Structures are given as structure tokens and as C-alpha cells.
Amino acid sequence: MNQPPLTAPFRIGDLEIANRVLLAPLAGIGNWFVRLQARRHGAGLAVSEMVSSFGLHYRNERTMRELLRIHPSEHPVSIQLFGHDPDVMASGAAVVAEAGADLIDINMGCPVRKVRKAGAGAELLRRPGLAVALARAAGEGSGLPVTVKLRSGLKPGDCSGVDLAVRLVEEAQVSGIALHPRSAAVQHKGDPDYGLVRQLVDRLEGSGAPVIVSGGLATAEVARRAYRESAAHAVMIARGALGNPWIFEELTGRRAAPPTDDEIVRELLWTLDRAERHLGPRRAAHYARKFYPWYLERLGVTGSEADAFQRTEDLDQARSLLREVVEAPALAA
């Protein structure tokens, strides 16, 4: 099979995506500025972190103010919803459309116990009829193209996710499928089976619904290999993008060399500034702690120096620490 290059555009429903390198939904992380960062560095599309359809239906203040916030420069943007009630899903999807999203994605792959106990995420693999109803409701409620992200199955050897993906396209007119070819039981352990993605590509041939490969794409090299092995239409980068927006430049041919220390520092400072704008100084200081290790490791900052960032109580303190690190002889050399 002759695949187009990752730099080639493709379509999800009636929406053209500039290239085939996407940012995956990152739970607790994929807010507007993380998505905007990915787009700045070349991602063709970024998908939001999971947003509760119930939170949108009931106009929960935090959900509406923070999770549904869309930056004007990040379009096209997809908002990922989760839930277990079709009527509520339709209502939540309508709110997303009103907010200006271009696509809706539905999470049918989250392996986290709390999400599954509520009948959402990967638990929907047990109830394919409900899964189809939810996808159909999202499309009817929003009028937007709908995609679904799901796992290959619940347990190793289970391929129910592949079968469900076919039903979602055929019965709910889903516009695209992102498949993480590991079971929910193993979460992020073990090797993804990209052959399962290829099977889905074959089964959906002629449907017009692109298949996006996700899972285990930690480096640009691995992502390219997964793209070839899976015969997918696009790749979706998750953990490989954490503190590494340059992976999108690598995959779209804009970069061959790793980022310099100066680039890493500037990107972290950019992130801190946007976190402060998003959450306010106090909350942003605590929220930023999850970001520090990703960038500091790239700078070679470990041990007690790195730990000091986790004890900061405000962003100005973190910025001062970063200046000290940058000016240290080992890094400045």
C-alpha cells in the first residue's frame, strides 16, 4: 500500500486537516494552551482532554470555564466527550458546537477504574449498542463530524474494539476512528499490535472514515514505523508529546535536530505563562508541577535541583529557579 506522507492533508468528515500528525487527548493535561502548543509546532489537529458530557449538560461552572475553553488560534480543534447517556451526550455535544469546536471525539477507551465504573470509557466495549447510540447522539446533537477513540479490547486477545469500530462507522456514521491497539487491562504496558489497526483499515476500506493509529508512539521514529505497519491514515501522539512539542516538527519535516537548551527553556516559560493565564497564579503554581519533569529531564536537571521545582509555591519562584539552572556552569557550557 502506498501511503501518503505524514505531511499530506486528509479529511475527517467535511473538515480538511492540514497534515496527518495529531495530538491525542491527554487526561488532565490537554487544555487549550497544550493544544495550542502542539498546533504551533505543526500538529494538524489537537484533541482536548476528556470532558464530561454531564458537566456540559448541567453547565458546570469549571467545565464550562476551563475545560471547554478554546483559543482562536487552535482551530481546527476537537473536544473529547465521555459519558454513558445518549440524551445527555446529545445535549453536551450541542454545547460543544456552540462553543465553536470543529469536531467531537468520544472516549470509548479510557481504562481508568473511575471512568469505567460510571459506564463510560472502555466499559462501552461491553455495551456496543449503547456505544453506537452515544456516537449517533453526539452527531445529532452537534451537527459536527464525530470521531471515536477506543481500545482494541478489554483483555489481551480481545478484539471487540475493532468490531465496535466497524459498527460505529456503519451504524452511527462516525467520521473517523482512533485505535489504540492495546487492551484496557494492560493500560500503557506491553507492545501495541499495529496489525490490528491494519485489520481495521482493511475492514473500513471505502467507508470514507480514516483510521488513526495511537498508542506507544513515544518518538518520531516509532510513530513513522507505526504509520507504516498499521497502514493508518494518520498518527496520534500522546505521551510522546509531553514536554516535547518538537515531535510534531520532526514528523512534519520541519526539524531534524533536537531542541537546544534555549528552546527548551523558552518553551517551559511559555507554558508557565499560559498556565497562569488559564488558572490564575495560585492554582497554576501547583498545576505546573506535572510539567517540570518533562522539560527539566531534557535539560539534564535531575535530583535535588529538579525536586526544588516541585516545592515551589508560586510561578515567580519557579522562574527564578529556572534562571539559576540556565546560568549554572554545566548548562551554560
C-alpha atoms as a PDB file:
ATOM      1  CA  MET A   1       0.000   0.000   0.000  1.00  0.00           C
ATOM      2  CA  ASN A   2       1.318   3.441  -0.958  1.00  0.00           C
ATOM      3  CA  GLN A   3       0.611   5.722   1.960  1.00  0.00           C
ATOM      4  CA  PRO A   4       0.639   9.491   1.582  1.00  0.00           C
ATOM      5  CA  PRO A   5       3.386  11.249   3.538  1.00  0.00           C
ATOM      6  CA  LEU A   6       2.507  12.443   7.030  1.00  0.00           C
ATOM      7  CA  THR A   7       2.656  15.984   5.652  1.00  0.00           C
ATOM      8  CA  ALA A   8      -0.252  15.356   3.264  1.00  0.00           C
ATOM      9  CA  PRO A   9      -3.707  16.699   4.160  1.00  0.00           C
ATOM     10  CA  PHE A  10      -6.645  14.395   4.818  1.00  0.00           C
ATOM     11  CA  ARG A  11     -10.313  14.734   5.673  1.00  0.00           C
ATOM     12  CA  ILE A  12     -12.414  13.883   8.692  1.00  0.00           C
ATOM     13  CA  GLY A  13     -15.981  14.260   7.526  1.00  0.00           C
ATOM     14  CA  ASP A  14     -16.182  17.566   5.680  1.00  0.00           C
ATOM     15  CA  LEU A  15     -13.203  19.034   7.547  1.00  0.00           C
ATOM     16  CA  GLU A  16      -9.761  19.130   5.936  1.00  0.00           C
ATOM     17  CA  ILE A  17      -6.837  18.521   8.296  1.00  0.00           C
ATOM     18  CA  ALA A  18      -3.546  20.068   7.149  1.00  0.00           C
ATOM     19  CA  ASN A  19      -1.411  17.008   7.918  1.00  0.00           C
ATOM     20  CA  ARG A  20      -1.582  13.528   9.415  1.00  0.00           C
ATOM     21  CA  VAL A  21       0.053  14.203  12.783  1.00  0.00           C
ATOM     22  CA  LEU A  22      -2.408  14.740  15.624  1.00  0.00           C
ATOM     23  CA  LEU A  23      -2.215  15.442  19.355  1.00  0.00           C
ATOM     24  CA  ALA A  24      -4.095  12.818  21.351  1.00  0.00           C
ATOM     25  CA  PRO A  25      -6.496  13.664  24.173  1.00  0.00           C
ATOM     26  CA  LEU A  26      -4.392  13.817  27.349  1.00  0.00           C
ATOM     27  CA  ALA A  27      -6.462  13.437  30.521  1.00  0.00           C
ATOM     28  CA  GLY A  28      -5.801  16.255  32.954  1.00  0.00           C
ATOM     29  CA  ILE A  29      -3.343  17.875  30.557  1.00  0.00           C
ATOM     30  CA  GLY A  30      -4.848  18.638  27.134  1.00  0.00           C
ATOM     31  CA  ASN A  31      -6.243  22.095  27.826  1.00  0.00           C
ATOM     32  CA  TRP A  32      -6.271  24.969  25.348  1.00  0.00           C
ATOM     33  CA  PHE A  33      -2.644  26.013  25.737  1.00  0.00           C
ATOM     34  CA  VAL A  34      -1.276  22.466  25.460  1.00  0.00           C
ATOM     35  CA  ARG A  35      -3.327  22.049  22.296  1.00  0.00           C
ATOM     36  CA  LEU A  36      -2.197  25.442  21.035  1.00  0.00           C
ATOM     37  CA  GLN A  37       1.412  24.464  21.697  1.00  0.00           C
ATOM     38  CA  ALA A  38       1.013  21.334  19.584  1.00  0.00           C
ATOM     39  CA  ARG A  39      -0.552  23.346  16.775  1.00  0.00           C
ATOM     40  CA  ARG A  40       2.268  25.939  16.954  1.00  0.00           C
ATOM     41  CA  HIS A  41       4.779  23.160  16.422  1.00  0.00           C
ATOM     42  CA  GLY A  42       2.968  21.606  13.488  1.00  0.00           C
ATOM     43  CA  ALA A  43       0.183  19.274  14.641  1.00  0.00           C
ATOM     44  CA  GLY A  44      -2.614  19.183  12.089  1.00  0.00           C
ATOM     45  CA  LEU A  45      -5.244  18.718  14.787  1.00  0.00           C
ATOM     46  CA  ALA A  46      -5.302  18.647  18.582  1.00  0.00           C
ATOM     47  CA  VAL A  47      -7.921  16.849  20.674  1.00  0.00           C
ATOM     48  CA  SER A  48      -8.910  18.090  24.112  1.00  0.00           C
ATOM     49  CA  GLU A  49      -8.657  16.218  27.377  1.00  0.00           C
ATOM     50  CA  MET A  50     -11.785  14.279  28.379  1.00  0.00           C
ATOM     51  CA  VAL A  51     -14.782  16.477  29.155  1.00  0.00           C
ATOM     52  CA  SER A  52     -17.823  15.109  30.947  1.00  0.00           C
ATOM     53  CA  SER A  53     -20.987  15.213  28.864  1.00  0.00           C
ATOM     54  CA  PHE A  54     -22.881  15.540  32.163  1.00  0.00           C
ATOM     55  CA  GLY A  55     -20.749  18.541  33.159  1.00  0.00           C
ATOM     56  CA  LEU A  56     -21.663  20.229  29.894  1.00  0.00           C
ATOM     57  CA  HIS A  57     -25.327  19.233  30.074  1.00  0.00           C
ATOM     58  CA  TYR A  58     -25.660  20.785  33.539  1.00  0.00           C
ATOM     59  CA  ARG A  59     -23.421  23.759  32.650  1.00  0.00           C
ATOM     60  CA  ASN A  60     -20.967  23.003  35.436  1.00  0.00           C
ATOM     61  CA  GLU A  61     -19.001  26.220  36.024  1.00  0.00           C
ATOM     62  CA  ARG A  62     -15.498  24.711  35.964  1.00  0.00           C
ATOM     63  CA  THR A  63     -16.297  22.527  32.970  1.00  0.00           C
ATOM     64  CA  MET A  64     -17.587  25.479  31.003  1.00  0.00           C
ATOM     65  CA  ARG A  65     -14.880  27.948  32.075  1.00  0.00           C
ATOM     66  CA  GLU A  66     -11.777  25.744  31.902  1.00  0.00           C
ATOM     67  CA  LEU A  67     -12.330  22.503  30.026  1.00  0.00           C
ATOM     68  CA  LEU A  68     -14.369  23.993  27.202  1.00  0.00           C
ATOM     69  CA  ARG A  69     -12.079  26.966  26.671  1.00  0.00           C
ATOM     70  CA  ILE A  70     -10.958  27.226  23.029  1.00  0.00           C
ATOM     71  CA  HIS A  71      -8.240  29.569  21.794  1.00  0.00           C
ATOM     72  CA  PRO A  72      -8.942  31.336  18.476  1.00  0.00           C
ATOM     73  CA  SER A  73      -5.594  30.188  17.039  1.00  0.00           C
ATOM     74  CA  GLU A  74      -6.002  26.469  17.644  1.00  0.00           C
ATOM     75  CA  HIS A  75      -8.614  25.660  15.006  1.00  0.00           C
ATOM     76  CA  PRO A  76      -9.345  23.078  13.871  1.00  0.00           C
ATOM     77  CA  VAL A  77      -9.923  21.666  17.350  1.00  0.00           C
ATOM     78  CA  SER A  78     -11.691  18.558  18.585  1.00  0.00           C
ATOM     79  CA  ILE A  79     -13.331  18.310  22.003  1.00  0.00           C
ATOM     80  CA  GLN A  80     -13.418  14.837  23.525  1.00  0.00           C
ATOM     81  CA  LEU A  81     -16.509  13.855  25.497  1.00  0.00           C
ATOM     82  CA  PHE A  82     -17.210  10.911  27.763  1.00  0.00           C
ATOM     83  CA  GLY A  83     -20.427   9.626  29.225  1.00  0.00           C
ATOM     84  CA  HIS A  84     -22.990   6.836  29.209  1.00  0.00           C
ATOM     85  CA  ASP A  85     -26.359   8.522  28.499  1.00  0.00           C
ATOM     86  CA  PRO A  86     -27.304   9.268  24.856  1.00  0.00           C
ATOM     87  CA  ASP A  87     -29.641  12.151  25.703  1.00  0.00           C
ATOM     88  CA  VAL A  88     -27.024  13.798  27.889  1.00  0.00           C
ATOM     89  CA  MET A  89     -24.399  13.160  25.208  1.00  0.00           C
ATOM     90  CA  ALA A  90     -26.552  14.918  22.629  1.00  0.00           C
ATOM     91  CA  SER A  91     -27.021  17.877  24.968  1.00  0.00           C
ATOM     92  CA  GLY A  92     -23.328  18.075  25.819  1.00  0.00           C
ATOM     93  CA  ALA A  93     -22.371  17.840  22.160  1.00  0.00           C
ATOM     94  CA  ALA A  94     -24.674  20.758  21.367  1.00  0.00           C
ATOM     95  CA  VAL A  95     -22.865  22.844  23.993  1.00  0.00           C
ATOM     96  CA  VAL A  96     -19.528  21.935  22.403  1.00  0.00           C
ATOM     97  CA  ALA A  97     -20.774  23.035  18.990  1.00  0.00           C
ATOM     98  CA  GLU A  98     -21.988  26.340  20.461  1.00  0.00           C
ATOM     99  CA  ALA A  99     -18.512  26.870  21.932  1.00  0.00           C
ATOM    100  CA  GLY A 100     -17.008  26.723  18.448  1.00  0.00           C
ATOM    101  CA  ALA A 101     -15.405  23.279  18.246  1.00  0.00           C
ATOM    102  CA  ASP A 102     -14.820  21.818  14.797  1.00  0.00           C
ATOM    103  CA  LEU A 103     -15.086  18.137  15.743  1.00  0.00           C
ATOM    104  CA  ILE A 104     -16.325  15.968  18.583  1.00  0.00           C
ATOM    105  CA  ASP A 105     -14.456  12.903  19.758  1.00  0.00           C
ATOM    106  CA  ILE A 106     -15.966  10.320  22.101  1.00  0.00           C
ATOM    107  CA  ASN A 107     -13.806   8.440  24.559  1.00  0.00           C
ATOM    108  CA  MET A 108     -14.510   4.712  24.440  1.00  0.00           C
ATOM    109  CA  GLY A 109     -11.040   3.635  25.507  1.00  0.00           C
ATOM    110  CA  CYS A 110     -10.207   5.112  28.903  1.00  0.00           C
ATOM    111  CA  PRO A 111      -9.101   2.218  31.148  1.00  0.00           C
ATOM    112  CA  VAL A 112      -9.289   4.172  34.427  1.00  0.00           C
ATOM    113  CA  ARG A 113     -11.491   2.471  37.026  1.00  0.00           C
ATOM    114  CA  LYS A 114     -13.414   5.614  38.000  1.00  0.00           C
ATOM    115  CA  VAL A 115     -14.454   6.258  34.397  1.00  0.00           C
ATOM    116  CA  ARG A 116     -15.326   2.623  33.728  1.00  0.00           C
ATOM    117  CA  LYS A 117     -17.383   2.336  36.915  1.00  0.00           C
ATOM    118  CA  ALA A 118     -19.580   5.115  35.550  1.00  0.00           C
ATOM    119  CA  GLY A 119     -20.205   3.041  32.411  1.00  0.00           C
ATOM    120  CA  ALA A 120     -18.025   5.230  30.197  1.00  0.00           C
ATOM    121  CA  GLY A 121     -14.637   4.884  28.537  1.00  0.00           C
ATOM    122  CA  ALA A 122     -13.506   1.335  27.794  1.00  0.00           C
ATOM    123  CA  GLU A 123     -16.544  -0.067  29.603  1.00  0.00           C
ATOM    124  CA  LEU A 124     -18.572   0.752  26.494  1.00  0.00           C
ATOM    125  CA  LEU A 125     -16.848  -2.158  24.740  1.00  0.00           C
ATOM    126  CA  ARG A 126     -19.166  -4.359  26.819  1.00  0.00           C
ATOM    127  CA  ARG A 127     -22.215  -2.498  25.515  1.00  0.00           C
ATOM    128  CA  PRO A 128     -21.758  -1.933  21.789  1.00  0.00           C
ATOM    129  CA  GLY A 129     -25.395  -0.989  21.274  1.00  0.00           C
ATOM    130  CA  LEU A 130     -25.074   1.832  23.788  1.00  0.00           C
ATOM    131  CA  ALA A 131     -21.766   2.888  22.225  1.00  0.00           C
ATOM    132  CA  VAL A 132     -23.444   3.236  18.826  1.00  0.00           C
ATOM    133  CA  ALA A 133     -26.320   5.197  20.385  1.00  0.00           C
ATOM    134  CA  LEU A 134     -23.899   7.591  22.092  1.00  0.00           C
ATOM    135  CA  ALA A 135     -21.994   8.280  18.885  1.00  0.00           C
ATOM    136  CA  ARG A 136     -25.202   8.825  16.952  1.00  0.00           C
ATOM    137  CA  ALA A 137     -26.494  11.178  19.648  1.00  0.00           C
ATOM    138  CA  ALA A 138     -23.306  13.251  19.584  1.00  0.00           C
ATOM    139  CA  GLY A 139     -23.645  13.781  15.855  1.00  0.00           C
ATOM    140  CA  GLU A 140     -27.335  14.607  16.016  1.00  0.00           C
ATOM    141  CA  GLY A 141     -26.877  16.966  18.950  1.00  0.00           C
ATOM    142  CA  SER A 142     -23.964  18.895  17.495  1.00  0.00           C
ATOM    143  CA  GLY A 143     -24.216  18.692  13.729  1.00  0.00           C
ATOM    144  CA  LEU A 144     -20.435  18.202  13.744  1.00  0.00           C
ATOM    145  CA  PRO A 145     -18.318  15.300  12.481  1.00  0.00           C
ATOM    146  CA  VAL A 146     -17.826  12.743  15.257  1.00  0.00           C
ATOM    147  CA  THR A 147     -14.804  10.547  15.820  1.00  0.00           C
ATOM    148  CA  VAL A 148     -14.261   7.850  18.422  1.00  0.00           C
ATOM    149  CA  LYS A 149     -11.097   6.830  20.234  1.00  0.00           C
ATOM    150  CA  LEU A 150     -11.106   3.289  21.578  1.00  0.00           C
ATOM    151  CA  ARG A 151      -9.001   0.360  22.674  1.00  0.00           C
ATOM    152  CA  SER A 152      -8.682  -2.910  20.793  1.00  0.00           C
ATOM    153  CA  GLY A 153     -10.440  -4.799  23.581  1.00  0.00           C
ATOM    154  CA  LEU A 154     -10.910  -5.214  27.306  1.00  0.00           C
ATOM    155  CA  LYS A 155      -8.393  -8.011  27.838  1.00  0.00           C
ATOM    156  CA  PRO A 156      -5.395  -9.318  25.879  1.00  0.00           C
ATOM    157  CA  GLY A 157      -6.612 -11.245  22.857  1.00  0.00           C
ATOM    158  CA  ASP A 158      -9.970  -9.454  22.842  1.00  0.00           C
ATOM    159  CA  CYS A 159     -10.646  -7.646  19.551  1.00  0.00           C
ATOM    160  CA  SER A 160     -14.107  -6.339  20.412  1.00  0.00           C
ATOM    161  CA  GLY A 161     -12.886  -2.785  19.881  1.00  0.00           C
ATOM    162  CA  VAL A 162     -12.152  -3.485  16.228  1.00  0.00           C
ATOM    163  CA  ASP A 163     -15.635  -4.914  15.727  1.00  0.00           C
ATOM    164  CA  LEU A 164     -17.192  -1.972  17.548  1.00  0.00           C
ATOM    165  CA  ALA A 165     -15.268   0.485  15.389  1.00  0.00           C
ATOM    166  CA  VAL A 166     -16.831  -1.022  12.264  1.00  0.00           C
ATOM    167  CA  ARG A 167     -20.327  -0.774  13.780  1.00  0.00           C
ATOM    168  CA  LEU A 168     -19.711   2.851  14.781  1.00  0.00           C
ATOM    169  CA  VAL A 169     -18.890   3.785  11.192  1.00  0.00           C
ATOM    170  CA  GLU A 170     -21.631   1.716   9.587  1.00  0.00           C
ATOM    171  CA  GLU A 171     -24.468   2.358  12.058  1.00  0.00           C
ATOM    172  CA  ALA A 172     -23.653   5.736  13.638  1.00  0.00           C
ATOM    173  CA  GLN A 173     -21.921   7.326  10.625  1.00  0.00           C
ATOM    174  CA  VAL A 174     -18.839   8.111  12.690  1.00  0.00           C
ATOM    175  CA  SER A 175     -16.369  10.127  10.593  1.00  0.00           C
ATOM    176  CA  GLY A 176     -13.137   8.626  11.929  1.00  0.00           C
ATOM    177  CA  ILE A 177     -11.675   6.107  14.367  1.00  0.00           C
ATOM    178  CA  ALA A 178      -8.576   6.401  16.538  1.00  0.00           C
ATOM    179  CA  LEU A 179      -7.484   2.944  17.656  1.00  0.00           C
ATOM    180  CA  HIS A 180      -5.085   2.250  20.499  1.00  0.00           C
ATOM    181  CA  PRO A 181      -4.202  -1.405  19.811  1.00  0.00           C
ATOM    182  CA  ARG A 182      -3.647  -2.487  23.405  1.00  0.00           C
ATOM    183  CA  SER A 183      -6.321  -3.837  25.705  1.00  0.00           C
ATOM    184  CA  ALA A 184      -7.760  -1.760  28.518  1.00  0.00           C
ATOM    185  CA  ALA A 185      -6.431  -4.310  31.025  1.00  0.00           C
ATOM    186  CA  VAL A 186      -2.770  -3.613  30.215  1.00  0.00           C
ATOM    187  CA  GLN A 187      -3.297   0.180  30.061  1.00  0.00           C
ATOM    188  CA  HIS A 188       0.061   1.508  28.731  1.00  0.00           C
ATOM    189  CA  LYS A 189       2.139  -1.647  29.223  1.00  0.00           C
ATOM    190  CA  GLY A 190       3.241  -4.084  26.554  1.00  0.00           C
ATOM    191  CA  ASP A 191       3.690  -3.614  22.830  1.00  0.00           C
ATOM    192  CA  PRO A 192       0.807  -2.253  20.750  1.00  0.00           C
ATOM    193  CA  ASP A 193      -0.381  -4.586  17.995  1.00  0.00           C
ATOM    194  CA  TYR A 194      -0.339  -2.330  14.970  1.00  0.00           C
ATOM    195  CA  GLY A 195      -1.517  -5.262  12.862  1.00  0.00           C
ATOM    196  CA  LEU A 196      -4.950  -4.835  14.481  1.00  0.00           C
ATOM    197  CA  VAL A 197      -5.043  -1.270  13.163  1.00  0.00           C
ATOM    198  CA  ARG A 198      -4.248  -2.590   9.687  1.00  0.00           C
ATOM    199  CA  GLN A 199      -7.137  -5.052  10.007  1.00  0.00           C
ATOM    200  CA  LEU A 200      -9.476  -2.172  10.829  1.00  0.00           C
ATOM    201  CA  VAL A 201      -8.169  -0.146   7.883  1.00  0.00           C
ATOM    202  CA  ASP A 202      -8.977  -3.084   5.600  1.00  0.00           C
ATOM    203  CA  ARG A 203     -12.462  -3.544   7.062  1.00  0.00           C
ATOM    204  CA  LEU A 204     -13.297   0.140   6.684  1.00  0.00           C
ATOM    205  CA  GLU A 205     -11.880   0.495   3.181  1.00  0.00           C
ATOM    206  CA  GLY A 206     -14.245   2.534   1.049  1.00  0.00           C
ATOM    207  CA  SER A 207     -16.160   3.909   4.035  1.00  0.00           C
ATOM    208  CA  GLY A 208     -14.504   7.307   3.907  1.00  0.00           C
ATOM    209  CA  ALA A 209     -13.697   7.105   7.619  1.00  0.00           C
ATOM    210  CA  PRO A 210      -9.955   7.476   8.296  1.00  0.00           C
ATOM    211  CA  VAL A 211      -8.267   5.251  10.869  1.00  0.00           C
ATOM    212  CA  ILE A 212      -5.776   6.929  13.183  1.00  0.00           C
ATOM    213  CA  VAL A 213      -3.161   4.877  14.993  1.00  0.00           C
ATOM    214  CA  SER A 214      -2.404   5.689  18.617  1.00  0.00           C
ATOM    215  CA  GLY A 215      -0.515   4.071  21.477  1.00  0.00           C
ATOM    216  CA  GLY A 216       3.184   3.696  22.173  1.00  0.00           C
ATOM    217  CA  LEU A 217       4.278   6.485  19.824  1.00  0.00           C
ATOM    218  CA  ALA A 218       6.998   7.796  22.138  1.00  0.00           C
ATOM    219  CA  THR A 219       9.360   9.036  19.428  1.00  0.00           C
ATOM    220  CA  ALA A 220       9.118  10.266  15.868  1.00  0.00           C
ATOM    221  CA  GLU A 221      10.902   7.110  14.684  1.00  0.00           C
ATOM    222  CA  VAL A 222       8.365   4.839  16.394  1.00  0.00           C
ATOM    223  CA  ALA A 223       5.479   6.933  15.073  1.00  0.00           C
ATOM    224  CA  ARG A 224       6.740   6.597  11.497  1.00  0.00           C
ATOM    225  CA  ARG A 225       7.127   2.837  11.919  1.00  0.00           C
ATOM    226  CA  ALA A 226       3.629   2.509  13.395  1.00  0.00           C
ATOM    227  CA  TYR A 227       2.235   4.538  10.496  1.00  0.00           C
ATOM    228  CA  ARG A 228       3.822   2.147   8.003  1.00  0.00           C
ATOM    229  CA  GLU A 229       2.988  -1.068   9.846  1.00  0.00           C
ATOM    230  CA  SER A 230      -0.610  -0.116  10.552  1.00  0.00           C
ATOM    231  CA  ALA A 231      -1.385   1.373   7.107  1.00  0.00           C
ATOM    232  CA  ALA A 232      -3.318   4.012   9.066  1.00  0.00           C
ATOM    233  CA  HIS A 233      -4.345   7.342   7.640  1.00  0.00           C
ATOM    234  CA  ALA A 234      -2.736   9.378  10.447  1.00  0.00           C
ATOM    235  CA  VAL A 235      -0.837   9.102  13.722  1.00  0.00           C
ATOM    236  CA  MET A 236      -1.947  10.399  17.117  1.00  0.00           C
ATOM    237  CA  ILE A 237       0.800  11.359  19.566  1.00  0.00           C
ATOM    238  CA  ALA A 238       0.089  11.167  23.298  1.00  0.00           C
ATOM    239  CA  ARG A 239       2.891  10.651  25.829  1.00  0.00           C
ATOM    240  CA  GLY A 240       5.497  11.294  23.156  1.00  0.00           C
ATOM    241  CA  ALA A 241       4.359  14.937  23.153  1.00  0.00           C
ATOM    242  CA  LEU A 242       4.752  15.510  26.902  1.00  0.00           C
ATOM    243  CA  GLY A 243       7.330  18.248  27.208  1.00  0.00           C
ATOM    244  CA  ASN A 244       8.243  17.512  23.603  1.00  0.00           C
ATOM    245  CA  PRO A 245       6.184  19.594  21.177  1.00  0.00           C
ATOM    246  CA  TRP A 246       9.148  19.343  18.797  1.00  0.00           C
ATOM    247  CA  ILE A 247       7.992  15.816  17.893  1.00  0.00           C
ATOM    248  CA  PHE A 248       5.370  17.462  15.653  1.00  0.00           C
ATOM    249  CA  GLU A 249       8.106  19.374  13.855  1.00  0.00           C
ATOM    250  CA  GLU A 250      10.082  16.152  13.386  1.00  0.00           C
ATOM    251  CA  LEU A 251       7.116  14.294  11.947  1.00  0.00           C
ATOM    252  CA  THR A 252       6.161  17.110   9.593  1.00  0.00           C
ATOM    253  CA  GLY A 253       9.696  17.610   8.305  1.00  0.00           C
ATOM    254  CA  ARG A 254      10.297  20.976   9.950  1.00  0.00           C
ATOM    255  CA  ARG A 255      13.075  19.723  12.236  1.00  0.00           C
ATOM    256  CA  ALA A 256      15.832  17.115  12.210  1.00  0.00           C
ATOM    257  CA  ALA A 257      17.929  18.166  15.206  1.00  0.00           C
ATOM    258  CA  PRO A 258      16.799  18.005  18.841  1.00  0.00           C
ATOM    259  CA  PRO A 259      15.822  21.285  20.535  1.00  0.00           C
ATOM    260  CA  THR A 260      18.543  23.413  22.061  1.00  0.00           C
ATOM    261  CA  ASP A 261      18.610  24.173  25.770  1.00  0.00           C
ATOM    262  CA  ASP A 262      17.470  27.695  24.978  1.00  0.00           C
ATOM    263  CA  GLU A 263      14.464  26.388  23.056  1.00  0.00           C
ATOM    264  CA  ILE A 264      13.531  24.077  25.928  1.00  0.00           C
ATOM    265  CA  VAL A 265      13.734  26.883  28.485  1.00  0.00           C
ATOM    266  CA  ARG A 266      11.687  29.246  26.321  1.00  0.00           C
ATOM    267  CA  GLU A 267       9.019  26.585  25.807  1.00  0.00           C
ATOM    268  CA  LEU A 268       8.742  25.908  29.527  1.00  0.00           C
ATOM    269  CA  LEU A 269       8.456  29.634  30.255  1.00  0.00           C
ATOM    270  CA  TRP A 270       5.772  29.923  27.565  1.00  0.00           C
ATOM    271  CA  THR A 271       3.902  27.066  29.243  1.00  0.00           C
ATOM    272  CA  LEU A 272       4.115  28.681  32.677  1.00  0.00           C
ATOM    273  CA  ASP A 273       2.810  31.985  31.324  1.00  0.00           C
ATOM    274  CA  ARG A 274      -0.204  30.278  29.724  1.00  0.00           C
ATOM    275  CA  ALA A 275      -0.895  28.190  32.833  1.00  0.00           C
ATOM    276  CA  GLU A 276      -1.002  31.390  34.877  1.00  0.00           C
ATOM    277  CA  ARG A 277      -3.379  32.963  32.389  1.00  0.00           C
ATOM    278  CA  HIS A 278      -5.560  29.863  32.418  1.00  0.00           C
ATOM    279  CA  LEU A 279      -5.770  29.126  36.143  1.00  0.00           C
ATOM    280  CA  GLY A 280      -4.506  32.172  37.978  1.00  0.00           C
ATOM    281  CA  PRO A 281      -1.205  32.381  39.880  1.00  0.00           C
ATOM    282  CA  ARG A 282      -2.019  30.132  42.849  1.00  0.00           C
ATOM    283  CA  ARG A 283      -3.576  27.191  41.030  1.00  0.00           C
ATOM    284  CA  ALA A 284      -1.138  27.427  38.138  1.00  0.00           C
ATOM    285  CA  ALA A 285       1.824  27.049  40.516  1.00  0.00           C
ATOM    286  CA  HIS A 286       0.561  23.644  41.626  1.00  0.00           C
ATOM    287  CA  TYR A 287      -0.670  22.609  38.188  1.00  0.00           C
ATOM    288  CA  ALA A 288       2.729  23.351  36.632  1.00  0.00           C
ATOM    289  CA  ARG A 289       4.438  20.753  38.819  1.00  0.00           C
ATOM    290  CA  LYS A 290       3.371  17.999  36.446  1.00  0.00           C
ATOM    291  CA  PHE A 291       5.147  19.802  33.570  1.00  0.00           C
ATOM    292  CA  TYR A 292       8.532  20.420  35.187  1.00  0.00           C
ATOM    293  CA  PRO A 293       9.983  16.875  34.964  1.00  0.00           C
ATOM    294  CA  TRP A 294       9.326  16.624  31.234  1.00  0.00           C
ATOM    295  CA  TYR A 295      11.341  19.751  30.432  1.00  0.00           C
ATOM    296  CA  LEU A 296      13.967  19.515  33.187  1.00  0.00           C
ATOM    297  CA  GLU A 297      14.937  15.999  32.140  1.00  0.00           C
ATOM    298  CA  ARG A 298      15.675  17.329  28.660  1.00  0.00           C
ATOM    299  CA  LEU A 299      17.898  19.961  30.256  1.00  0.00           C
ATOM    300  CA  GLY A 300      19.736  17.317  32.260  1.00  0.00           C
ATOM    301  CA  VAL A 301      18.373  18.718  35.525  1.00  0.00           C
ATOM    302  CA  THR A 302      17.765  15.878  37.984  1.00  0.00           C
ATOM    303  CA  GLY A 303      17.971  15.031  41.676  1.00  0.00           C
ATOM    304  CA  SER A 304      17.678  17.800  44.265  1.00  0.00           C
ATOM    305  CA  GLU A 305      17.736  20.534  41.610  1.00  0.00           C
ATOM    306  CA  ALA A 306      14.677  19.058  39.922  1.00  0.00           C
ATOM    307  CA  ASP A 307      12.974  18.341  43.256  1.00  0.00           C
ATOM    308  CA  ALA A 308      13.223  22.023  44.156  1.00  0.00           C
ATOM    309  CA  PHE A 309      10.746  22.857  41.394  1.00  0.00           C
ATOM    310  CA  GLN A 310       8.170  20.533  42.991  1.00  0.00           C
ATOM    311  CA  ARG A 311       8.373  22.563  46.203  1.00  0.00           C
ATOM    312  CA  THR A 312       7.727  25.928  44.593  1.00  0.00           C
ATOM    313  CA  GLU A 313       4.608  27.742  45.771  1.00  0.00           C
ATOM    314  CA  ASP A 314       4.404  30.345  43.023  1.00  0.00           C
ATOM    315  CA  LEU A 315       5.477  30.644  39.411  1.00  0.00           C
ATOM    316  CA  ASP A 316       7.891  33.503  40.028  1.00  0.00           C
ATOM    317  CA  GLN A 317       9.837  31.203  42.333  1.00  0.00           C
ATOM    318  CA  ALA A 318       9.905  28.568  39.603  1.00  0.00           C
ATOM    319  CA  ARG A 319      11.057  31.139  37.049  1.00  0.00           C
ATOM    320  CA  SER A 320      13.871  32.214  39.363  1.00  0.00           C
ATOM    321  CA  LEU A 321      14.947  28.608  39.820  1.00  0.00           C
ATOM    322  CA  LEU A 322      14.942  28.134  36.074  1.00  0.00           C
ATOM    323  CA  ARG A 323      17.179  31.176  35.620  1.00  0.00           C
ATOM    324  CA  GLU A 324      19.612  29.702  38.161  1.00  0.00           C
ATOM    325  CA  VAL A 325      19.614  26.392  36.309  1.00  0.00           C
ATOM    326  CA  VAL A 326      20.206  28.069  32.961  1.00  0.00           C
ATOM    327  CA  GLU A 327      23.095  30.107  34.333  1.00  0.00           C
ATOM    328  CA  ALA A 328      24.721  27.106  36.041  1.00  0.00           C
ATOM    329  CA  PRO A 329      28.139  26.286  34.529  1.00  0.00           C
ATOM    330  CA  ALA A 330      27.182  22.775  33.385  1.00  0.00           C
ATOM    331  CA  LEU A 331      24.209  24.006  31.358  1.00  0.00           C
ATOM    332  CA  ALA A 332      25.786  27.235  30.184  1.00  0.00           C
ATOM    333  CA  ALA A 333      28.888  25.486  28.864  1.00  0.00           C
END
